[in-house]
Protein backbone atom coordinates (compact mmCIF):
# COMPACT_ATOMS: atom_id res chain seq x y z
CA MET A 1 42.03 43.69 79.92
CA ASP A 2 42.03 40.21 81.58
CA VAL A 3 45.23 38.42 80.79
CA THR A 4 44.03 35.27 82.53
CA VAL A 5 43.63 32.37 80.00
CA THR A 6 40.56 30.30 81.16
CA ALA A 7 37.77 28.74 79.07
CA GLU A 8 35.60 31.63 80.37
CA THR A 9 37.86 34.45 79.15
CA LEU A 10 38.70 32.93 75.94
CA ARG A 11 34.95 32.52 75.12
CA ALA A 12 34.28 36.14 76.16
CA MET A 13 36.64 37.36 73.32
CA GLU A 14 34.06 36.44 70.64
CA ALA A 15 32.08 39.63 71.29
CA ARG A 16 35.25 41.83 70.85
CA ILE A 17 36.49 40.34 67.46
CA PRO A 18 34.25 42.41 65.15
CA VAL A 19 35.47 45.68 66.95
CA ALA A 20 39.21 44.45 66.70
CA ALA A 21 38.82 43.45 63.08
CA GLY A 22 37.08 46.78 62.37
CA LEU A 23 40.52 48.48 63.36
CA LEU A 24 41.90 47.17 60.09
CA PRO A 25 40.98 49.65 57.39
CA PRO A 26 38.86 48.00 54.57
CA ALA A 27 40.60 50.41 52.13
CA PHE A 28 43.56 48.35 52.28
CA GLY A 29 41.84 45.50 50.35
CA PHE A 30 42.99 42.68 52.57
CA ASP A 31 43.27 39.13 50.92
CA ALA A 32 43.27 37.34 54.33
CA ILE A 33 42.96 38.08 57.88
CA GLY A 34 44.04 36.14 60.83
CA TYR A 35 42.51 35.83 64.37
CA ALA A 36 45.75 35.06 66.31
CA CYS A 37 44.49 33.12 69.40
CA THR A 38 44.84 29.35 69.28
CA SER A 39 42.85 28.54 72.45
CA GLY A 40 40.28 31.18 71.60
CA ALA A 41 39.66 29.64 68.14
CA THR A 42 39.30 26.26 69.80
CA LEU A 43 36.64 27.33 72.40
CA ILE A 44 34.78 29.92 70.04
CA GLY A 45 35.00 27.78 67.00
CA ALA A 46 36.62 28.53 63.58
CA GLU A 47 33.23 29.24 61.84
CA ARG A 48 32.15 31.58 64.61
CA VAL A 49 35.52 33.38 64.49
CA ALA A 50 35.35 33.79 60.74
CA ALA A 51 31.73 35.12 60.99
CA ALA A 52 32.73 37.60 63.57
CA VAL A 53 35.70 38.73 61.31
CA GLY A 54 33.39 38.89 58.44
CA ILE A 55 31.07 41.45 60.14
CA ALA A 56 33.89 44.12 59.59
CA HIS A 57 35.31 42.53 56.44
CA PRO A 58 32.77 40.47 54.43
CA GLY A 59 34.07 38.20 51.80
CA VAL A 60 37.76 38.29 53.10
CA SER A 61 39.33 34.87 53.70
CA CYS A 62 39.87 34.43 57.48
CA THR A 63 42.08 31.77 59.35
CA ASP A 64 43.17 31.13 62.84
CA PRO A 65 46.02 29.10 64.26
CA ILE A 66 43.85 25.90 64.75
CA THR A 67 42.54 26.05 61.07
CA ALA A 68 46.03 26.88 59.91
CA ALA A 69 47.58 24.08 61.86
CA LEU A 70 45.09 21.58 60.56
CA ALA A 71 45.90 22.69 56.89
CA ALA A 72 49.82 22.32 57.91
CA PHE A 73 49.08 18.85 59.05
CA ARG A 74 47.36 17.97 55.76
CA THR A 75 50.08 19.48 53.83
CA LEU A 76 52.86 17.70 55.85
CA ASP A 77 50.87 14.33 55.93
CA VAL A 78 50.78 14.63 59.75
CA ARG A 79 48.34 12.09 61.43
CA SER A 80 49.48 12.13 64.86
CA ILE A 81 51.08 14.91 67.08
CA GLY A 82 52.89 15.80 70.44
CA LEU A 83 50.85 18.68 71.65
CA LEU A 84 52.72 21.38 73.87
CA THR A 85 50.92 24.10 75.42
CA PRO A 86 51.16 26.76 78.06
CA TYR A 87 47.48 26.47 79.19
CA ASN A 88 45.75 25.11 82.19
CA ALA A 89 44.70 21.49 82.09
CA GLU A 90 41.09 22.22 81.14
CA VAL A 91 42.05 24.31 78.01
CA THR A 92 44.90 21.85 77.11
CA LEU A 93 42.77 18.77 77.32
CA GLY A 94 39.91 20.53 75.38
CA MET A 95 42.27 21.32 72.46
CA ALA A 96 43.64 17.86 72.49
CA ALA A 97 40.06 16.59 72.31
CA HIS A 98 39.39 19.20 69.28
CA TYR A 99 42.33 17.73 67.35
CA GLU A 100 41.10 14.20 67.97
CA ASP A 101 37.66 15.21 66.69
CA GLN A 102 39.32 16.62 63.45
CA GLY A 103 41.05 13.12 63.13
CA ILE A 104 44.49 14.13 64.55
CA GLU A 105 45.72 11.66 67.03
CA VAL A 106 47.10 13.22 70.08
CA ALA A 107 50.06 10.84 70.99
CA ALA A 108 51.43 12.92 73.67
CA VAL A 109 50.57 16.06 75.71
CA ALA A 110 52.74 18.52 77.79
CA SER A 111 51.93 21.99 79.22
CA PHE A 112 53.68 24.63 81.19
CA LEU A 113 50.30 24.93 83.06
CA GLU A 114 50.50 28.92 83.10
CA GLU A 115 47.13 30.91 83.05
CA ASP A 116 48.90 34.39 83.09
CA ASP A 117 49.35 35.18 79.46
CA ASN A 118 52.00 37.96 80.45
CA VAL A 119 54.04 35.02 81.99
CA VAL A 120 53.50 32.87 78.99
CA GLY A 121 55.03 35.62 76.85
CA ARG A 122 58.22 35.49 78.79
CA ILE A 123 58.73 31.82 78.67
CA THR A 124 62.00 31.56 76.87
CA GLU A 125 62.79 29.81 73.51
CA GLU A 126 65.19 27.57 75.45
CA SER A 127 62.36 26.19 77.67
CA VAL A 128 60.19 25.76 74.76
CA ALA A 129 62.77 23.84 72.88
CA ASP A 130 63.54 21.54 75.81
CA ALA A 131 59.89 20.64 76.23
CA VAL A 132 59.61 20.04 72.38
CA ARG A 133 62.63 17.60 72.62
CA ARG A 134 61.00 15.79 75.38
CA ILE A 135 57.71 15.38 73.64
CA GLY A 136 59.03 14.92 70.19
CA GLY A 137 60.80 11.78 71.58
CA GLU A 138 57.70 10.14 72.43
CA PRO A 139 56.63 7.21 70.29
CA GLY A 140 53.84 7.67 67.62
CA CYS A 141 54.38 11.46 66.98
CA ASP A 142 54.50 12.48 63.47
CA ALA A 143 55.11 16.01 64.39
CA VAL A 144 55.29 18.28 67.27
CA PHE A 145 52.59 21.11 67.49
CA VAL A 146 53.56 24.08 69.91
CA SER A 147 50.27 25.74 70.58
CA CYS A 148 49.76 29.49 71.48
CA THR A 149 50.85 32.69 69.69
CA SER A 150 52.46 33.96 72.80
CA LEU A 151 55.09 31.21 72.86
CA ARG A 152 58.31 32.29 70.94
CA THR A 153 59.26 29.58 68.46
CA PHE A 154 60.40 31.36 65.18
CA GLY A 155 64.14 31.09 66.35
CA ILE A 156 63.98 27.36 67.11
CA VAL A 157 61.52 25.50 64.62
CA ALA A 158 64.12 24.76 62.02
CA ASP A 159 66.94 23.67 64.37
CA LEU A 160 64.46 21.32 66.35
CA GLU A 161 63.08 19.83 63.09
CA ALA A 162 66.79 18.99 62.09
CA GLU A 163 67.43 17.44 65.49
CA LEU A 164 64.27 15.58 65.90
CA GLY A 165 63.94 14.46 62.22
CA ARG A 166 60.22 15.42 62.08
CA PRO A 167 58.07 18.64 61.44
CA VAL A 168 57.74 21.02 64.28
CA VAL A 169 54.69 23.26 63.72
CA SER A 170 53.75 26.44 66.02
CA SER A 171 50.70 28.56 66.10
CA ASN A 172 52.60 31.56 64.73
CA GLN A 173 54.33 29.77 62.12
CA ALA A 174 51.14 28.08 60.82
CA LEU A 175 49.11 31.29 61.00
CA ALA A 176 51.78 33.14 59.14
CA TRP A 177 52.11 30.50 56.47
CA HIS A 178 48.28 30.03 56.00
CA LEU A 179 47.97 33.73 55.63
CA HIS A 180 50.59 33.83 52.86
CA ARG A 181 49.22 31.16 51.05
CA LEU A 182 45.65 32.32 51.24
CA ALA A 183 46.82 35.80 50.01
CA GLY A 184 48.50 34.09 47.02
CA VAL A 185 52.09 34.40 48.17
CA GLN A 186 54.00 31.35 47.62
CA ASP A 187 57.44 32.31 48.86
CA ALA A 188 59.61 29.92 50.95
CA VAL A 189 60.85 31.64 54.10
CA PRO A 190 64.32 30.31 55.17
CA GLY A 191 64.53 29.45 58.67
CA LEU A 192 60.92 28.76 59.49
CA GLY A 193 60.94 25.12 59.01
CA THR A 194 59.71 22.55 56.25
CA LEU A 195 56.07 24.01 56.37
CA PHE A 196 57.11 27.08 54.40
CA GLU A 197 58.51 24.91 51.58
CA HIS A 198 54.98 23.67 50.84
CA GLY A 199 51.63 25.35 49.33
CA LEU A 200 48.13 24.65 50.56
CA PRO A 201 46.94 21.04 50.65
CA GLU A 202 45.11 19.66 47.69
């Protein structure tokens, strides 16, 4: 399997989504299913991702990190973000443009510029936290969004929010929150930031 993250490899994932979704047994009666690739959802598109998942699970709610993050921004009344990614420049700028198209101002952008997903998964929480602090200090950012489900953030989100005084939303956190809420689970989860204190946007 190709672990290089480029626009081409991300778009190529679309054909494999129905097969992957089909590995989840329909007999379990899922309330919601998540496609856990932020950059893939950006390049493929949320509607196409949902349609691909729906081949294996028709009628089941589907989300992805981009859709979940947009729902999180509406819930938290976020209108502008600092965007942190691990991706190359093409993928990062494409994601920033996508958020702008959705009405979210991208006030600042930073990236680790790493195309190897195996390396991305080894970026430490400390390195992510340092980058969040830098981008979170930029003027005009209502929140920081840490993009990529391979970046580790669960152990740092709450502390960074307390330090910066603004929401810190990550791909994994937003996806987990959105799946919970779509499935009707309204529990707050301590330690995962202010997002988990909220329900879905009106």
